[in-house]
Amino acid sequence: MATLPFEVFEVFEDKLGKEDARVIVKSFETTITGNIENKWASTKNELLDEIRKEITEMEKRIDTKLDLMDKKFATKTDLQLNLQLLESKMKLYFLITIFAIILTNSHAMDLIAKLLGFVK
């Protein structure tokens, strides 16, 4: 509750009398207190609204960043799968090439037979 200085009460008391001064000062104090409470309530609501707006904006930014991270992760996973598929294809092509060389080259067949110990 707001309180007026005693000097204000003394001035009113000198001009209007003790009872009238008390009523006027009490009215002023009540009015000032009401205004302060109203101003505080409106300021508090404005601050809460601003905080809510900031939180909403932060949530939107976080959601956007999470979406980007999901896309990057999905892209990375796709790249890893493509790399594994490419590696498998390269192994298959390498084996086919080796078998083609072995089957079409008689010297290669002789070398393999000697290495494995089939021919003495």
PDB file of N, CA and C in Angstrom:
ATOM      1  N   MET A   1       0.839  -1.180   0.000  1.00  0.00           N
ATOM      2  CA  MET A   1       0.000   0.000   0.000  1.00  0.00           C
ATOM      3  C   MET A   1       0.882   1.240   0.000  1.00  0.00           C
ATOM      4  N   ALA A   2       0.497   2.205  -0.825  1.00  0.00           N
ATOM      5  CA  ALA A   2       1.256   3.456  -0.916  1.00  0.00           C
ATOM      6  C   ALA A   2       0.934   4.341   0.287  1.00  0.00           C
ATOM      7  N   THR A   3       1.960   5.038   0.774  1.00  0.00           N
ATOM      8  CA  THR A   3       1.788   5.943   1.920  1.00  0.00           C
ATOM      9  C   THR A   3       2.333   7.316   1.545  1.00  0.00           C
ATOM     10  N   LEU A   4       1.516   8.321   1.781  1.00  0.00           N
ATOM     11  CA  LEU A   4       1.965   9.686   1.508  1.00  0.00           C
ATOM     12  C   LEU A   4       2.853  10.164   2.657  1.00  0.00           C
ATOM     13  N   PRO A   5       3.799  11.043   2.367  1.00  0.00           N
ATOM     14  CA  PRO A   5       4.660  11.580   3.430  1.00  0.00           C
ATOM     15  C   PRO A   5       3.839  12.335   4.484  1.00  0.00           C
ATOM     16  N   PHE A   6       4.364  12.322   5.684  1.00  0.00           N
ATOM     17  CA  PHE A   6       3.670  12.977   6.798  1.00  0.00           C
ATOM     18  C   PHE A   6       3.495  14.483   6.569  1.00  0.00           C
ATOM     19  N   GLU A   7       4.445  15.075   5.820  1.00  0.00           N
ATOM     20  CA  GLU A   7       4.360  16.518   5.548  1.00  0.00           C
ATOM     21  C   GLU A   7       3.101  16.854   4.745  1.00  0.00           C
ATOM     22  N   VAL A   8       2.713  15.969   3.837  1.00  0.00           N
ATOM     23  CA  VAL A   8       1.503  16.183   3.043  1.00  0.00           C
ATOM     24  C   VAL A   8       0.298  16.178   3.970  1.00  0.00           C
ATOM     25  N   PHE A   9       0.269  15.225   4.893  1.00  0.00           N
ATOM     26  CA  PHE A   9      -0.828  15.168   5.857  1.00  0.00           C
ATOM     27  C   PHE A   9      -0.889  16.442   6.700  1.00  0.00           C
ATOM     28  N   GLU A  10       0.279  16.933   7.119  1.00  0.00           N
ATOM     29  CA  GLU A  10       0.315  18.162   7.932  1.00  0.00           C
ATOM     30  C   GLU A  10      -0.245  19.355   7.172  1.00  0.00           C
ATOM     31  N   VAL A  11       0.086  19.476   5.880  1.00  0.00           N
ATOM     32  CA  VAL A  11      -0.426  20.584   5.072  1.00  0.00           C
ATOM     33  C   VAL A  11      -1.940  20.500   4.975  1.00  0.00           C
ATOM     34  N   PHE A  12      -2.451  19.316   4.683  1.00  0.00           N
ATOM     35  CA  PHE A  12      -3.915  19.149   4.612  1.00  0.00           C
ATOM     36  C   PHE A  12      -4.561  19.400   5.968  1.00  0.00           C
ATOM     37  N   GLU A  13      -3.910  18.959   7.032  1.00  0.00           N
ATOM     38  CA  GLU A  13      -4.452  19.147   8.370  1.00  0.00           C
ATOM     39  C   GLU A  13      -4.529  20.628   8.729  1.00  0.00           C
ATOM     40  N   ASP A  14      -3.495  21.410   8.336  1.00  0.00           N
ATOM     41  CA  ASP A  14      -3.500  22.849   8.610  1.00  0.00           C
ATOM     42  C   ASP A  14      -4.625  23.544   7.848  1.00  0.00           C
ATOM     43  N   LYS A  15      -4.871  23.145   6.613  1.00  0.00           N
ATOM     44  CA  LYS A  15      -5.849  23.827   5.768  1.00  0.00           C
ATOM     45  C   LYS A  15      -7.276  23.315   5.981  1.00  0.00           C
ATOM     46  N   LEU A  16      -7.445  21.979   6.216  1.00  0.00           N
ATOM     47  CA  LEU A  16      -8.784  21.399   6.229  1.00  0.00           C
ATOM     48  C   LEU A  16      -9.228  20.847   7.582  1.00  0.00           C
ATOM     49  N   GLY A  17      -8.331  20.629   8.463  1.00  0.00           N
ATOM     50  CA  GLY A  17      -8.669  20.009   9.741  1.00  0.00           C
ATOM     51  C   GLY A  17      -8.217  18.559   9.753  1.00  0.00           C
ATOM     52  N   LYS A  18      -8.159  18.015  10.973  1.00  0.00           N
ATOM     53  CA  LYS A  18      -7.584  16.695  11.151  1.00  0.00           C
ATOM     54  C   LYS A  18      -8.412  15.601  10.463  1.00  0.00           C
ATOM     55  N   GLU A  19      -9.702  15.557  10.652  1.00  0.00           N
ATOM     56  CA  GLU A  19     -10.552  14.507  10.085  1.00  0.00           C
ATOM     57  C   GLU A  19     -10.616  14.587   8.560  1.00  0.00           C
ATOM     58  N   ASP A  20     -10.819  15.796   8.022  1.00  0.00           N
ATOM     59  CA  ASP A  20     -10.867  15.945   6.566  1.00  0.00           C
ATOM     60  C   ASP A  20      -9.521  15.573   5.932  1.00  0.00           C
ATOM     61  N   ALA A  21      -8.432  15.963   6.583  1.00  0.00           N
ATOM     62  CA  ALA A  21      -7.099  15.643   6.068  1.00  0.00           C
ATOM     63  C   ALA A  21      -6.895  14.127   6.054  1.00  0.00           C
ATOM     64  N   ARG A  22      -7.351  13.468   7.135  1.00  0.00           N
ATOM     65  CA  ARG A  22      -7.212  12.017   7.211  1.00  0.00           C
ATOM     66  C   ARG A  22      -7.994  11.336   6.081  1.00  0.00           C
ATOM     67  N   VAL A  23      -9.210  11.792   5.812  1.00  0.00           N
ATOM     68  CA  VAL A  23     -10.031  11.206   4.747  1.00  0.00           C
ATOM     69  C   VAL A  23      -9.391  11.434   3.379  1.00  0.00           C
ATOM     70  N   ILE A  24      -8.902  12.640   3.137  1.00  0.00           N
ATOM     71  CA  ILE A  24      -8.287  12.961   1.837  1.00  0.00           C
ATOM     72  C   ILE A  24      -7.013  12.160   1.635  1.00  0.00           C
ATOM     73  N   VAL A  25      -6.147  12.107   2.653  1.00  0.00           N
ATOM     74  CA  VAL A  25      -4.896  11.358   2.534  1.00  0.00           C
ATOM     75  C   VAL A  25      -5.189   9.875   2.332  1.00  0.00           C
ATOM     76  N   LYS A  26      -6.168   9.349   3.062  1.00  0.00           N
ATOM     77  CA  LYS A  26      -6.544   7.950   2.904  1.00  0.00           C
ATOM     78  C   LYS A  26      -7.061   7.699   1.483  1.00  0.00           C
ATOM     79  N   SER A  27      -7.827   8.623   0.932  1.00  0.00           N
ATOM     80  CA  SER A  27      -8.333   8.495  -0.442  1.00  0.00           C
ATOM     81  C   SER A  27      -7.185   8.503  -1.442  1.00  0.00           C
ATOM     82  N   PHE A  28      -6.259   9.440  -1.249  1.00  0.00           N
ATOM     83  CA  PHE A  28      -5.088   9.489  -2.142  1.00  0.00           C
ATOM     84  C   PHE A  28      -4.294   8.175  -2.082  1.00  0.00           C
ATOM     85  N   GLU A  29      -4.061   7.700  -0.866  1.00  0.00           N
ATOM     86  CA  GLU A  29      -3.301   6.470  -0.707  1.00  0.00           C
ATOM     87  C   GLU A  29      -4.009   5.287  -1.382  1.00  0.00           C
ATOM     88  N   THR A  30      -5.320   5.207  -1.222  1.00  0.00           N
ATOM     89  CA  THR A  30      -6.101   4.135  -1.846  1.00  0.00           C
ATOM     90  C   THR A  30      -6.047   4.236  -3.366  1.00  0.00           C
ATOM     91  N   THR A  31      -6.194   5.454  -3.886  1.00  0.00           N
ATOM     92  CA  THR A  31      -6.163   5.664  -5.331  1.00  0.00           C
ATOM     93  C   THR A  31      -4.781   5.326  -5.893  1.00  0.00           C
ATOM     94  N   ILE A  32      -3.744   5.809  -5.234  1.00  0.00           N
ATOM     95  CA  ILE A  32      -2.376   5.543  -5.698  1.00  0.00           C
ATOM     96  C   ILE A  32      -2.084   4.038  -5.652  1.00  0.00           C
ATOM     97  N   THR A  33      -2.484   3.396  -4.572  1.00  0.00           N
ATOM     98  CA  THR A  33      -2.273   1.953  -4.447  1.00  0.00           C
ATOM     99  C   THR A  33      -3.000   1.208  -5.562  1.00  0.00           C
ATOM    100  N   GLY A  34      -4.242   1.594  -5.832  1.00  0.00           N
ATOM    101  CA  GLY A  34      -5.001   0.956  -6.915  1.00  0.00           C
ATOM    102  C   GLY A  34      -4.329   1.147  -8.263  1.00  0.00           C
ATOM    103  N   ASN A  35      -3.850   2.364  -8.514  1.00  0.00           N
ATOM    104  CA  ASN A  35      -3.162   2.625  -9.786  1.00  0.00           C
ATOM    105  C   ASN A  35      -1.872   1.806  -9.904  1.00  0.00           C
ATOM    106  N   ILE A  36      -1.136   1.734  -8.806  1.00  0.00           N
ATOM    107  CA  ILE A  36       0.099   0.950  -8.824  1.00  0.00           C
ATOM    108  C   ILE A  36      -0.210  -0.514  -9.094  1.00  0.00           C
ATOM    109  N   GLU A  37      -1.224  -1.055  -8.420  1.00  0.00           N
ATOM    110  CA  GLU A  37      -1.589  -2.457  -8.623  1.00  0.00           C
ATOM    111  C   GLU A  37      -2.047  -2.711 -10.059  1.00  0.00           C
ATOM    112  N   ASN A  38      -2.851  -1.789 -10.610  1.00  0.00           N
ATOM    113  CA  ASN A  38      -3.299  -1.943 -12.000  1.00  0.00           C
ATOM    114  C   ASN A  38      -2.115  -1.882 -12.966  1.00  0.00           C
ATOM    115  N   LYS A  39      -1.230  -0.936 -12.737  1.00  0.00           N
ATOM    116  CA  LYS A  39      -0.062  -0.797 -13.609  1.00  0.00           C
ATOM    117  C   LYS A  39       0.821  -2.033 -13.501  1.00  0.00           C
ATOM    118  N   TRP A  40       1.006  -2.528 -12.287  1.00  0.00           N
ATOM    119  CA  TRP A  40       1.822  -3.723 -12.107  1.00  0.00           C
ATOM    120  C   TRP A  40       1.189  -4.922 -12.816  1.00  0.00           C
ATOM    121  N   ALA A  41      -0.124  -5.056 -12.694  1.00  0.00           N
ATOM    122  CA  ALA A  41      -0.808  -6.181 -13.338  1.00  0.00           C
ATOM    123  C   ALA A  41      -0.673  -6.095 -14.860  1.00  0.00           C
ATOM    124  N   SER A  42      -0.852  -4.894 -15.404  1.00  0.00           N
ATOM    125  CA  SER A  42      -0.744  -4.756 -16.863  1.00  0.00           C
ATOM    126  C   SER A  42       0.705  -4.964 -17.316  1.00  0.00           C
ATOM    127  N   THR A  43       1.654  -4.460 -16.556  1.00  0.00           N
ATOM    128  CA  THR A  43       3.070  -4.657 -16.894  1.00  0.00           C
ATOM    129  C   THR A  43       3.430  -6.139 -16.813  1.00  0.00           C
ATOM    130  N   LYS A  44       2.929  -6.795 -15.778  1.00  0.00           N
ATOM    131  CA  LYS A  44       3.191  -8.225 -15.614  1.00  0.00           C
ATOM    132  C   LYS A  44       2.609  -8.996 -16.796  1.00  0.00           C
ATOM    133  N   ASN A  45       1.397  -8.663 -17.204  1.00  0.00           N
ATOM    134  CA  ASN A  45       0.780  -9.344 -18.346  1.00  0.00           C
ATOM    135  C   ASN A  45       1.548  -9.075 -19.638  1.00  0.00           C
ATOM    136  N   GLU A  46       2.011  -7.850 -19.814  1.00  0.00           N
ATOM    137  CA  GLU A  46       2.804  -7.527 -21.004  1.00  0.00           C
ATOM    138  C   GLU A  46       4.108  -8.326 -21.018  1.00  0.00           C
ATOM    139  N   LEU A  47       4.757  -8.406 -19.869  1.00  0.00           N
ATOM    140  CA  LEU A  47       5.995  -9.184 -19.780  1.00  0.00           C
ATOM    141  C   LEU A  47       5.744 -10.665 -20.053  1.00  0.00           C
ATOM    142  N   LEU A  48       4.668 -11.185 -19.497  1.00  0.00           N
ATOM    143  CA  LEU A  48       4.333 -12.588 -19.746  1.00  0.00           C
ATOM    144  C   LEU A  48       4.037 -12.829 -21.225  1.00  0.00           C
ATOM    145  N   ASP A  49       3.345 -11.897 -21.856  1.00  0.00           N
ATOM    146  CA  ASP A  49       3.070 -12.027 -23.290  1.00  0.00           C
ATOM    147  C   ASP A  49       4.365 -12.027 -24.094  1.00  0.00           C
ATOM    148  N   GLU A  50       5.282 -11.142 -23.754  1.00  0.00           N
ATOM    149  CA  GLU A  50       6.569 -11.086 -24.451  1.00  0.00           C
ATOM    150  C   GLU A  50       7.353 -12.384 -24.244  1.00  0.00           C
ATOM    151  N   ILE A  51       7.343 -12.892 -23.026  1.00  0.00           N
ATOM    152  CA  ILE A  51       8.043 -14.152 -22.747  1.00  0.00           C
ATOM    153  C   ILE A  51       7.416 -15.288 -23.541  1.00  0.00           C
ATOM    154  N   ARG A  52       6.090 -15.321 -23.596  1.00  0.00           N
ATOM    155  CA  ARG A  52       5.416 -16.368 -24.374  1.00  0.00           C
ATOM    156  C   ARG A  52       5.774 -16.273 -25.853  1.00  0.00           C
ATOM    157  N   LYS A  53       5.845 -15.049 -26.382  1.00  0.00           N
ATOM    158  CA  LYS A  53       6.232 -14.871 -27.785  1.00  0.00           C
ATOM    159  C   LYS A  53       7.649 -15.370 -28.018  1.00  0.00           C
ATOM    160  N   GLU A  54       8.566 -15.038 -27.113  1.00  0.00           N
ATOM    161  CA  GLU A  54       9.950 -15.485 -27.240  1.00  0.00           C
ATOM    162  C   GLU A  54      10.038 -17.010 -27.191  1.00  0.00           C
ATOM    163  N   ILE A  55       9.285 -17.609 -26.293  1.00  0.00           N
ATOM    164  CA  ILE A  55       9.298 -19.070 -26.184  1.00  0.00           C
ATOM    165  C   ILE A  55       8.755 -19.694 -27.465  1.00  0.00           C
ATOM    166  N   THR A  56       7.691 -19.121 -28.012  1.00  0.00           N
ATOM    167  CA  THR A  56       7.122 -19.631 -29.256  1.00  0.00           C
ATOM    168  C   THR A  56       8.130 -19.522 -30.392  1.00  0.00           C
ATOM    169  N   GLU A  57       8.824 -18.396 -30.485  1.00  0.00           N
ATOM    170  CA  GLU A  57       9.835 -18.224 -31.520  1.00  0.00           C
ATOM    171  C   GLU A  57      10.979 -19.225 -31.342  1.00  0.00           C
ATOM    172  N   MET A  58      11.401 -19.451 -30.097  1.00  0.00           N
ATOM    173  CA  MET A  58      12.459 -20.421 -29.838  1.00  0.00           C
ATOM    174  C   MET A  58      12.016 -21.829 -30.236  1.00  0.00           C
ATOM    175  N   GLU A  59      10.766 -22.168 -29.914  1.00  0.00           N
ATOM    176  CA  GLU A  59      10.255 -23.486 -30.291  1.00  0.00           C
ATOM    177  C   GLU A  59      10.256 -23.654 -31.804  1.00  0.00           C
ATOM    178  N   LYS A  60       9.871 -22.593 -32.521  1.00  0.00           N
ATOM    179  CA  LYS A  60       9.877 -22.665 -33.983  1.00  0.00           C
ATOM    180  C   LYS A  60      11.292 -22.862 -34.506  1.00  0.00           C
ATOM    181  N   ARG A  61      12.260 -22.118 -33.929  1.00  0.00           N
ATOM    182  CA  ARG A  61      13.649 -22.270 -34.367  1.00  0.00           C
ATOM    183  C   ARG A  61      14.177 -23.665 -34.063  1.00  0.00           C
ATOM    184  N   ILE A  62      13.828 -24.183 -32.907  1.00  0.00           N
ATOM    185  CA  ILE A  62      14.268 -25.531 -32.544  1.00  0.00           C
ATOM    186  C   ILE A  62      13.658 -26.556 -33.492  1.00  0.00           C
ATOM    187  N   ASP A  63      12.355 -26.402 -33.794  1.00  0.00           N
ATOM    188  CA  ASP A  63      11.706 -27.326 -34.730  1.00  0.00           C
ATOM    189  C   ASP A  63      12.368 -27.270 -36.097  1.00  0.00           C
ATOM    190  N   THR A  64      12.697 -26.060 -36.550  1.00  0.00           N
ATOM    191  CA  THR A  64      13.360 -25.916 -37.844  1.00  0.00           C
ATOM    192  C   THR A  64      14.717 -26.609 -37.830  1.00  0.00           C
ATOM    193  N   LYS A  65      15.485 -26.411 -36.773  1.00  0.00           N
ATOM    194  CA  LYS A  65      16.801 -27.045 -36.673  1.00  0.00           C
ATOM    195  C   LYS A  65      16.679 -28.560 -36.597  1.00  0.00           C
ATOM    196  N   LEU A  66      15.668 -29.044 -35.875  1.00  0.00           N
ATOM    197  CA  LEU A  66      15.467 -30.493 -35.806  1.00  0.00           C
ATOM    198  C   LEU A  66      15.100 -31.064 -37.164  1.00  0.00           C
ATOM    199  N   ASP A  67      14.272 -30.337 -37.904  1.00  0.00           N
ATOM    200  CA  ASP A  67      13.921 -30.787 -39.254  1.00  0.00           C
ATOM    201  C   ASP A  67      15.156 -30.856 -40.143  1.00  0.00           C
ATOM    202  N   LEU A  68      16.006 -29.839 -40.054  1.00  0.00           N
ATOM    203  CA  LEU A  68      17.238 -29.851 -40.835  1.00  0.00           C
ATOM    204  C   LEU A  68      18.142 -31.012 -40.432  1.00  0.00           C
ATOM    205  N   MET A  69      18.231 -31.268 -39.141  1.00  0.00           N
ATOM    206  CA  MET A  69      19.057 -32.375 -38.675  1.00  0.00           C
ATOM    207  C   MET A  69      18.499 -33.709 -39.168  1.00  0.00           C
ATOM    208  N   ASP A  70      17.170 -33.840 -39.153  1.00  0.00           N
ATOM    209  CA  ASP A  70      16.554 -35.071 -39.654  1.00  0.00           C
ATOM    210  C   ASP A  70      16.882 -35.268 -41.129  1.00  0.00           C
ATOM    211  N   LYS A  71      16.803 -34.187 -41.903  1.00  0.00           N
ATOM    212  CA  LYS A  71      17.114 -34.279 -43.328  1.00  0.00           C
ATOM    213  C   LYS A  71      18.580 -34.648 -43.537  1.00  0.00           C
ATOM    214  N   LYS A  72      19.475 -34.035 -42.758  1.00  0.00           N
ATOM    215  CA  LYS A  72      20.894 -34.355 -42.886  1.00  0.00           C
ATOM    216  C   LYS A  72      21.153 -35.803 -42.508  1.00  0.00           C
ATOM    217  N   PHE A  73      20.499 -36.272 -41.457  1.00  0.00           N
ATOM    218  CA  PHE A  73      20.686 -37.654 -41.032  1.00  0.00           C
ATOM    219  C   PHE A  73      20.161 -38.612 -42.089  1.00  0.00           C
ATOM    220  N   ALA A  74      18.987 -38.281 -42.652  1.00  0.00           N
ATOM    221  CA  ALA A  74      18.427 -39.133 -43.703  1.00  0.00           C
ATOM    222  C   ALA A  74      19.352 -39.153 -44.913  1.00  0.00           C
ATOM    223  N   THR A  75      19.898 -38.001 -45.273  1.00  0.00           N
ATOM    224  CA  THR A  75      20.823 -37.935 -46.403  1.00  0.00           C
ATOM    225  C   THR A  75      22.072 -38.748 -46.114  1.00  0.00           C
ATOM    226  N   LYS A  76      22.590 -38.651 -44.899  1.00  0.00           N
ATOM    227  CA  LYS A  76      23.786 -39.396 -44.531  1.00  0.00           C
ATOM    228  C   LYS A  76      23.504 -40.896 -44.574  1.00  0.00           C
ATOM    229  N   THR A  77      22.363 -41.308 -44.077  1.00  0.00           N
ATOM    230  CA  THR A  77      21.993 -42.717 -44.104  1.00  0.00           C
ATOM    231  C   THR A  77      21.861 -43.209 -45.541  1.00  0.00           C
ATOM    232  N   ASP A  78      21.231 -42.398 -46.389  1.00  0.00           N
ATOM    233  CA  ASP A  78      21.106 -42.760 -47.810  1.00  0.00           C
ATOM    234  C   ASP A  78      22.481 -42.894 -48.453  1.00  0.00           C
ATOM    235  N   LEU A  79      23.377 -41.977 -48.135  1.00  0.00           N
ATOM    236  CA  LEU A  79      24.727 -42.053 -48.691  1.00  0.00           C
ATOM    237  C   LEU A  79      25.456 -43.308 -48.218  1.00  0.00           C
ATOM    238  N   GLN A  80      25.287 -43.660 -46.965  1.00  0.00           N
ATOM    239  CA  GLN A  80      25.931 -44.860 -46.449  1.00  0.00           C
ATOM    240  C   GLN A  80      25.381 -46.109 -47.141  1.00  0.00           C
ATOM    241  N   LEU A  81      24.072 -46.154 -47.351  1.00  0.00           N
ATOM    242  CA  LEU A  81      23.487 -47.304 -48.046  1.00  0.00           C
ATOM    243  C   LEU A  81      23.974 -47.381 -49.487  1.00  0.00           C
ATOM    244  N   ASN A  82      24.048 -46.220 -50.134  1.00  0.00           N
ATOM    245  CA  ASN A  82      24.544 -46.201 -51.512  1.00  0.00           C
ATOM    246  C   ASN A  82      26.004 -46.635 -51.576  1.00  0.00           C
ATOM    247  N   LEU A  83      26.791 -46.226 -50.602  1.00  0.00           N
ATOM    248  CA  LEU A  83      28.198 -46.616 -50.563  1.00  0.00           C
ATOM    249  C   LEU A  83      28.334 -48.123 -50.362  1.00  0.00           C
ATOM    250  N   GLN A  84      27.539 -48.695 -49.488  1.00  0.00           N
ATOM    251  CA  GLN A  84      27.573 -50.147 -49.271  1.00  0.00           C
ATOM    252  C   GLN A  84      27.171 -50.896 -50.543  1.00  0.00           C
ATOM    253  N   LEU A  85      26.147 -50.398 -51.221  1.00  0.00           N
ATOM    254  CA  LEU A  85      25.718 -51.022 -52.469  1.00  0.00           C
ATOM    255  C   LEU A  85      26.818 -50.940 -53.517  1.00  0.00           C
ATOM    256  N   LEU A  86      27.481 -49.792 -53.608  1.00  0.00           N
ATOM    257  CA  LEU A  86      28.575 -49.615 -54.560  1.00  0.00           C
ATOM    258  C   LEU A  86      29.741 -50.556 -54.241  1.00  0.00           C
ATOM    259  N   GLU A  87      30.068 -50.680 -52.959  1.00  0.00           N
ATOM    260  CA  GLU A  87      31.137 -51.594 -52.559  1.00  0.00           C
ATOM    261  C   GLU A  87      30.795 -53.030 -52.942  1.00  0.00           C
ATOM    262  N   SER A  88      29.554 -53.432 -52.733  1.00  0.00           N
ATOM    263  CA  SER A  88      29.132 -54.793 -53.108  1.00  0.00           C
ATOM    264  C   SER A  88      29.248 -55.009 -54.609  1.00  0.00           C
ATOM    265  N   LYS A  89      28.840 -54.022 -55.378  1.00  0.00           N
ATOM    266  CA  LYS A  89      28.934 -54.137 -56.836  1.00  0.00           C
ATOM    267  C   LYS A  89      30.394 -54.221 -57.277  1.00  0.00           C
ATOM    268  N   MET A  90      31.250 -53.435 -56.653  1.00  0.00           N
ATOM    269  CA  MET A  90      32.669 -53.455 -57.026  1.00  0.00           C
ATOM    270  C   MET A  90      33.289 -54.819 -56.719  1.00  0.00           C
ATOM    271  N   LYS A  91      32.946 -55.420 -55.584  1.00  0.00           N
ATOM    272  CA  LYS A  91      33.453 -56.755 -55.257  1.00  0.00           C
ATOM    273  C   LYS A  91      32.985 -57.768 -56.292  1.00  0.00           C
ATOM    274  N   LEU A  92      31.715 -57.683 -56.665  1.00  0.00           N
ATOM    275  CA  LEU A  92      31.174 -58.604 -57.662  1.00  0.00           C
ATOM    276  C   LEU A  92      31.883 -58.440 -58.999  1.00  0.00           C
ATOM    277  N   TYR A  93      32.068 -57.193 -59.445  1.00  0.00           N
ATOM    278  CA  TYR A  93      32.759 -56.931 -60.716  1.00  0.00           C
ATOM    279  C   TYR A  93      34.201 -57.427 -60.658  1.00  0.00           C
ATOM    280  N   PHE A  94      34.860 -57.256 -59.531  1.00  0.00           N
ATOM    281  CA  PHE A  94      36.238 -57.715 -59.376  1.00  0.00           C
ATOM    282  C   PHE A  94      36.309 -59.235 -59.494  1.00  0.00           C
ATOM    283  N   LEU A  95      35.406 -59.927 -58.813  1.00  0.00           N
ATOM    284  CA  LEU A  95      35.397 -61.389 -58.887  1.00  0.00           C
ATOM    285  C   LEU A  95      35.081 -61.877 -60.296  1.00  0.00           C
ATOM    286  N   ILE A  96      34.132 -61.242 -60.961  1.00  0.00           N
ATOM    287  CA  ILE A  96      33.804 -61.630 -62.343  1.00  0.00           C
ATOM    288  C   ILE A  96      35.008 -61.420 -63.246  1.00  0.00           C
ATOM    289  N   THR A  97      35.713 -60.310 -63.064  1.00  0.00           N
ATOM    290  CA  THR A  97      36.900 -60.033 -63.881  1.00  0.00           C
ATOM    291  C   THR A  97      37.981 -61.079 -63.637  1.00  0.00           C
ATOM    292  N   ILE A  98      38.234 -61.419 -62.388  1.00  0.00           N
ATOM    293  CA  ILE A  98      39.248 -62.430 -62.065  1.00  0.00           C
ATOM    294  C   ILE A  98      38.870 -63.778 -62.689  1.00  0.00           C
ATOM    295  N   PHE A  99      37.648 -64.212 -62.561  1.00  0.00           N
ATOM    296  CA  PHE A  99      37.218 -65.484 -63.134  1.00  0.00           C
ATOM    297  C   PHE A  99      37.296 -65.463 -64.653  1.00  0.00           C
ATOM    298  N   ALA A 100      36.962 -64.332 -65.254  1.00  0.00           N
ATOM    299  CA  ALA A 100      37.052 -64.228 -66.713  1.00  0.00           C
ATOM    300  C   ALA A 100      38.506 -64.358 -67.162  1.00  0.00           C
ATOM    301  N   ILE A 101      39.399 -63.706 -66.435  1.00  0.00           N
ATOM    302  CA  ILE A 101      40.823 -63.807 -66.793  1.00  0.00           C
ATOM    303  C   ILE A 101      41.308 -65.244 -66.637  1.00  0.00           C
ATOM    304  N   ILE A 102      40.935 -65.872 -65.541  1.00  0.00           N
ATOM    305  CA  ILE A 102      41.387 -67.242 -65.281  1.00  0.00           C
ATOM    306  C   ILE A 102      40.834 -68.211 -66.328  1.00  0.00           C
ATOM    307  N   LEU A 103      39.583 -68.091 -66.652  1.00  0.00           N
ATOM    308  CA  LEU A 103      38.957 -69.029 -67.579  1.00  0.00           C
ATOM    309  C   LEU A 103      39.430 -68.831 -69.019  1.00  0.00           C
ATOM    310  N   THR A 104      39.792 -67.628 -69.387  1.00  0.00           N
ATOM    311  CA  THR A 104      40.196 -67.372 -70.769  1.00  0.00           C
ATOM    312  C   THR A 104      41.696 -67.464 -70.987  1.00  0.00           C
ATOM    313  N   ASN A 105      42.499 -67.519 -69.958  1.00  0.00           N
ATOM    314  CA  ASN A 105      43.947 -67.538 -70.104  1.00  0.00           C
ATOM    315  C   ASN A 105      44.477 -68.882 -69.626  1.00  0.00           C
ATOM    316  N   SER A 106      45.069 -69.637 -70.506  1.00  0.00           N
ATOM    317  CA  SER A 106      45.573 -70.966 -70.144  1.00  0.00           C
ATOM    318  C   SER A 106      46.773 -70.880 -69.213  1.00  0.00           C
ATOM    319  N   HIS A 107      47.582 -69.869 -69.385  1.00  0.00           N
ATOM    320  CA  HIS A 107      48.744 -69.699 -68.498  1.00  0.00           C
ATOM    321  C   HIS A 107      48.284 -69.416 -67.072  1.00  0.00           C
ATOM    322  N   ALA A 108      47.192 -68.700 -66.946  1.00  0.00           N
ATOM    323  CA  ALA A 108      46.673 -68.415 -65.615  1.00  0.00           C
ATOM    324  C   ALA A 108      46.187 -69.685 -64.953  1.00  0.00           C
ATOM    325  N   MET A 109      45.573 -70.574 -65.726  1.00  0.00           N
ATOM    326  CA  MET A 109      45.103 -71.860 -65.194  1.00  0.00           C
ATOM    327  C   MET A 109      46.299 -72.692 -64.723  1.00  0.00           C
ATOM    328  N   ASP A 110      47.386 -72.728 -65.503  1.00  0.00           N
ATOM    329  CA  ASP A 110      48.579 -73.474 -65.119  1.00  0.00           C
ATOM    330  C   ASP A 110      49.186 -72.906 -63.838  1.00  0.00           C
ATOM    331  N   LEU A 111      49.242 -71.570 -63.741  1.00  0.00           N
ATOM    332  CA  LEU A 111      49.806 -70.914 -62.558  1.00  0.00           C
ATOM    333  C   LEU A 111      48.979 -71.236 -61.320  1.00  0.00           C
ATOM    334  N   ILE A 112      47.698 -71.200 -61.449  1.00  0.00           N
ATOM    335  CA  ILE A 112      46.831 -71.499 -60.307  1.00  0.00           C
ATOM    336  C   ILE A 112      46.989 -72.966 -59.900  1.00  0.00           C
ATOM    337  N   ALA A 113      47.051 -73.842 -60.874  1.00  0.00           N
ATOM    338  CA  ALA A 113      47.224 -75.263 -60.571  1.00  0.00           C
ATOM    339  C   ALA A 113      48.548 -75.492 -59.841  1.00  0.00           C
ATOM    340  N   LYS A 114      49.611 -74.849 -60.275  1.00  0.00           N
ATOM    341  CA  LYS A 114      50.912 -74.996 -59.614  1.00  0.00           C
ATOM    342  C   LYS A 114      50.857 -74.427 -58.194  1.00  0.00           C
ATOM    343  N   LEU A 115      50.193 -73.258 -58.037  1.00  0.00           N
ATOM    344  CA  LEU A 115      50.107 -72.634 -56.714  1.00  0.00           C
ATOM    345  C   LEU A 115      49.312 -73.507 -55.741  1.00  0.00           C
ATOM    346  N   LEU A 116      48.275 -74.109 -56.243  1.00  0.00           N
ATOM    347  CA  LEU A 116      47.446 -74.946 -55.365  1.00  0.00           C
ATOM    348  C   LEU A 116      47.995 -76.350 -55.203  1.00  0.00           C
ATOM    349  N   GLY A 117      48.993 -76.735 -56.004  1.00  0.00           N
ATOM    350  CA  GLY A 117      49.634 -78.041 -55.863  1.00  0.00           C
ATOM    351  C   GLY A 117      48.955 -79.158 -56.603  1.00  0.00           C
ATOM    352  N   PHE A 118      48.145 -78.838 -57.593  1.00  0.00           N
ATOM    353  CA  PHE A 118      47.497 -79.888 -58.364  1.00  0.00           C
ATOM    354  C   PHE A 118      48.458 -80.551 -59.345  1.00  0.00           C
ATOM    355  N   VAL A 119      49.338 -79.763 -59.902  1.00  0.00           N
ATOM    356  CA  VAL A 119      50.259 -80.276 -60.911  1.00  0.00           C
ATOM    357  C   VAL A 119      51.670 -80.251 -60.320  1.00  0.00           C
ATOM    358  N   LYS A 120      52.405 -81.314 -60.559  1.00  0.00           N
ATOM    359  CA  LYS A 120      53.769 -81.332 -60.063  1.00  0.00           C
ATOM    360  C   LYS A 120      54.748 -81.265 -61.160  1.00  0.00           C
TER     361      LYS A 120
END
